[in-house]
Amino acid sequence: MKIVQEISLISIGNFAESSDWSIIRDEIREAISLIVHPPGTSNFTINPTRHGNGVKPIKK
């Protein structure tokens, strides 16, 4: 998967500018980029059918 948009819901104090947050954010971005469906492919594809919204593959 790829991140299309990032929205900050809570930003209090200087944490959003800290090196700790930078590391955490990079790890989250990397984890999201590794999500693929169907397994063994190089990207995430949602089945374009009724109830094919990708919820079950994302949960797995």
N, C-alpha and C. Protein backbone atom coordinates (compact mmCIF):
# COMPACT_ATOMS: atom_id res chain seq x y z
N MET A 1 0.84 -1.17 0.00
CA MET A 1 0.00 0.00 0.00
C MET A 1 0.89 1.23 0.00
N LYS A 2 0.31 2.33 -0.39
CA LYS A 2 1.06 3.58 -0.30
C LYS A 2 0.22 4.60 0.44
N ILE A 3 0.88 5.52 1.07
CA ILE A 3 0.20 6.58 1.80
C ILE A 3 -0.10 7.70 0.82
N VAL A 4 -1.38 8.02 0.70
CA VAL A 4 -1.80 9.08 -0.21
C VAL A 4 -1.85 10.42 0.51
N GLN A 5 -2.25 10.38 1.79
CA GLN A 5 -2.38 11.62 2.56
C GLN A 5 -2.13 11.33 4.03
N GLU A 6 -1.47 12.24 4.72
CA GLU A 6 -1.27 12.15 6.15
C GLU A 6 -1.95 13.34 6.80
N ILE A 7 -2.72 13.06 7.87
CA ILE A 7 -3.40 14.11 8.61
C ILE A 7 -3.04 13.97 10.08
N SER A 8 -2.56 15.02 10.69
CA SER A 8 -2.23 15.01 12.10
C SER A 8 -3.50 15.30 12.89
N LEU A 9 -3.91 14.35 13.73
CA LEU A 9 -5.12 14.53 14.54
C LEU A 9 -4.82 15.25 15.84
N ILE A 10 -3.67 14.98 16.43
CA ILE A 10 -3.29 15.62 17.68
C ILE A 10 -1.82 16.01 17.57
N SER A 11 -1.54 17.25 17.86
CA SER A 11 -0.16 17.72 17.86
C SER A 11 0.00 18.70 19.02
N ILE A 12 0.47 18.18 20.14
CA ILE A 12 0.63 19.00 21.34
C ILE A 12 2.12 19.04 21.70
N GLY A 13 2.61 20.20 21.97
CA GLY A 13 4.00 20.34 22.37
C GLY A 13 4.95 20.12 21.20
N ASN A 14 6.16 19.73 21.52
CA ASN A 14 7.21 19.59 20.52
C ASN A 14 7.41 18.17 20.02
N PHE A 15 6.57 17.22 20.47
CA PHE A 15 6.79 15.82 20.11
C PHE A 15 6.77 15.61 18.60
N ALA A 16 5.88 16.30 17.89
CA ALA A 16 5.77 16.13 16.44
C ALA A 16 7.06 16.54 15.72
N GLU A 17 7.91 17.29 16.39
CA GLU A 17 9.16 17.73 15.79
C GLU A 17 10.36 16.97 16.34
N SER A 18 10.11 15.98 17.20
CA SER A 18 11.21 15.26 17.86
C SER A 18 11.77 14.15 16.97
N SER A 19 12.98 13.72 17.31
CA SER A 19 13.60 12.62 16.57
C SER A 19 12.87 11.31 16.89
N ASP A 20 12.31 11.19 18.09
CA ASP A 20 11.54 9.98 18.43
C ASP A 20 10.35 9.83 17.49
N TRP A 21 9.61 10.92 17.27
CA TRP A 21 8.45 10.85 16.39
C TRP A 21 8.88 10.56 14.95
N SER A 22 10.00 11.12 14.55
CA SER A 22 10.51 10.87 13.20
C SER A 22 10.78 9.38 12.99
N ILE A 23 11.38 8.74 13.98
CA ILE A 23 11.65 7.30 13.89
C ILE A 23 10.35 6.51 13.85
N ILE A 24 9.42 6.85 14.73
CA ILE A 24 8.13 6.15 14.77
C ILE A 24 7.39 6.31 13.45
N ARG A 25 7.32 7.53 12.94
CA ARG A 25 6.62 7.80 11.68
C ARG A 25 7.26 7.01 10.53
N ASP A 26 8.58 6.97 10.48
CA ASP A 26 9.27 6.21 9.42
C ASP A 26 8.95 4.72 9.51
N GLU A 27 8.88 4.19 10.74
CA GLU A 27 8.55 2.77 10.91
C GLU A 27 7.11 2.48 10.48
N ILE A 28 6.19 3.38 10.79
CA ILE A 28 4.79 3.22 10.37
C ILE A 28 4.70 3.26 8.85
N ARG A 29 5.36 4.22 8.23
CA ARG A 29 5.35 4.33 6.76
C ARG A 29 5.91 3.07 6.11
N GLU A 30 7.00 2.55 6.66
CA GLU A 30 7.62 1.34 6.12
C GLU A 30 6.67 0.14 6.26
N ALA A 31 6.03 0.01 7.41
CA ALA A 31 5.09 -1.09 7.62
C ALA A 31 3.94 -1.03 6.64
N ILE A 32 3.40 0.16 6.40
CA ILE A 32 2.30 0.31 5.45
C ILE A 32 2.76 -0.05 4.04
N SER A 33 3.96 0.34 3.68
CA SER A 33 4.45 0.06 2.32
C SER A 33 4.65 -1.43 2.08
N LEU A 34 4.79 -2.22 3.15
CA LEU A 34 5.01 -3.66 3.01
C LEU A 34 3.72 -4.47 2.88
N ILE A 35 2.57 -3.82 3.06
CA ILE A 35 1.29 -4.53 2.98
C ILE A 35 0.96 -4.79 1.51
N VAL A 36 0.73 -6.06 1.18
CA VAL A 36 0.38 -6.46 -0.19
C VAL A 36 -0.82 -7.40 -0.15
N HIS A 37 -1.60 -7.41 -1.21
CA HIS A 37 -2.71 -8.35 -1.37
C HIS A 37 -2.99 -8.48 -2.85
N PRO A 38 -3.18 -9.62 -3.38
CA PRO A 38 -3.07 -10.91 -2.74
C PRO A 38 -1.62 -11.22 -2.37
N PRO A 39 -1.43 -12.13 -1.39
CA PRO A 39 -0.07 -12.47 -0.96
C PRO A 39 0.81 -12.89 -2.13
N GLY A 40 2.05 -12.46 -2.09
CA GLY A 40 3.00 -12.81 -3.13
C GLY A 40 3.10 -11.79 -4.25
N THR A 41 2.25 -10.76 -4.22
CA THR A 41 2.31 -9.72 -5.25
C THR A 41 3.17 -8.57 -4.75
N SER A 42 3.34 -7.57 -5.58
CA SER A 42 4.17 -6.43 -5.19
C SER A 42 3.36 -5.21 -4.78
N ASN A 43 2.01 -5.32 -4.80
CA ASN A 43 1.19 -4.18 -4.41
C ASN A 43 -0.10 -4.66 -3.75
N PHE A 44 -0.97 -3.75 -3.41
CA PHE A 44 -2.24 -4.08 -2.76
C PHE A 44 -3.35 -3.81 -3.76
N THR A 45 -4.09 -4.87 -4.11
CA THR A 45 -5.18 -4.75 -5.06
C THR A 45 -6.49 -5.14 -4.39
N ILE A 46 -7.48 -4.28 -4.49
CA ILE A 46 -8.80 -4.57 -3.93
C ILE A 46 -9.67 -5.14 -5.03
N ASN A 47 -10.36 -6.21 -4.72
CA ASN A 47 -11.26 -6.86 -5.66
C ASN A 47 -12.43 -5.92 -5.98
N PRO A 48 -12.59 -5.49 -7.23
CA PRO A 48 -13.64 -4.52 -7.56
C PRO A 48 -15.02 -5.18 -7.73
N THR A 49 -15.48 -5.87 -6.70
CA THR A 49 -16.79 -6.50 -6.72
C THR A 49 -17.58 -6.06 -5.50
N ARG A 50 -18.85 -6.43 -5.45
CA ARG A 50 -19.66 -6.11 -4.28
C ARG A 50 -19.00 -6.71 -3.05
N HIS A 51 -18.89 -5.95 -2.01
CA HIS A 51 -18.23 -6.33 -0.75
C HIS A 51 -16.75 -6.60 -0.96
N GLY A 52 -16.16 -6.10 -2.01
CA GLY A 52 -14.73 -6.27 -2.27
C GLY A 52 -13.95 -5.04 -1.87
N ASN A 53 -14.24 -4.52 -0.66
CA ASN A 53 -13.64 -3.25 -0.24
C ASN A 53 -12.28 -3.39 0.42
N GLY A 54 -11.78 -4.61 0.58
CA GLY A 54 -10.44 -4.80 1.13
C GLY A 54 -10.38 -4.90 2.64
N VAL A 55 -11.52 -4.89 3.33
CA VAL A 55 -11.50 -4.92 4.79
C VAL A 55 -10.89 -6.22 5.32
N LYS A 56 -11.31 -7.36 4.81
CA LYS A 56 -10.77 -8.63 5.29
C LYS A 56 -9.28 -8.78 5.02
N PRO A 57 -8.79 -8.45 3.80
CA PRO A 57 -7.34 -8.54 3.58
C PRO A 57 -6.55 -7.58 4.47
N ILE A 58 -7.08 -6.39 4.72
CA ILE A 58 -6.37 -5.42 5.55
C ILE A 58 -6.30 -5.95 6.99
N LYS A 59 -7.39 -6.56 7.48
CA LYS A 59 -7.40 -7.11 8.83
C LYS A 59 -6.36 -8.21 8.98
N LYS A 60 -6.21 -9.05 7.93
CA LYS A 60 -5.21 -10.13 7.99
C LYS A 60 -3.82 -9.55 8.08
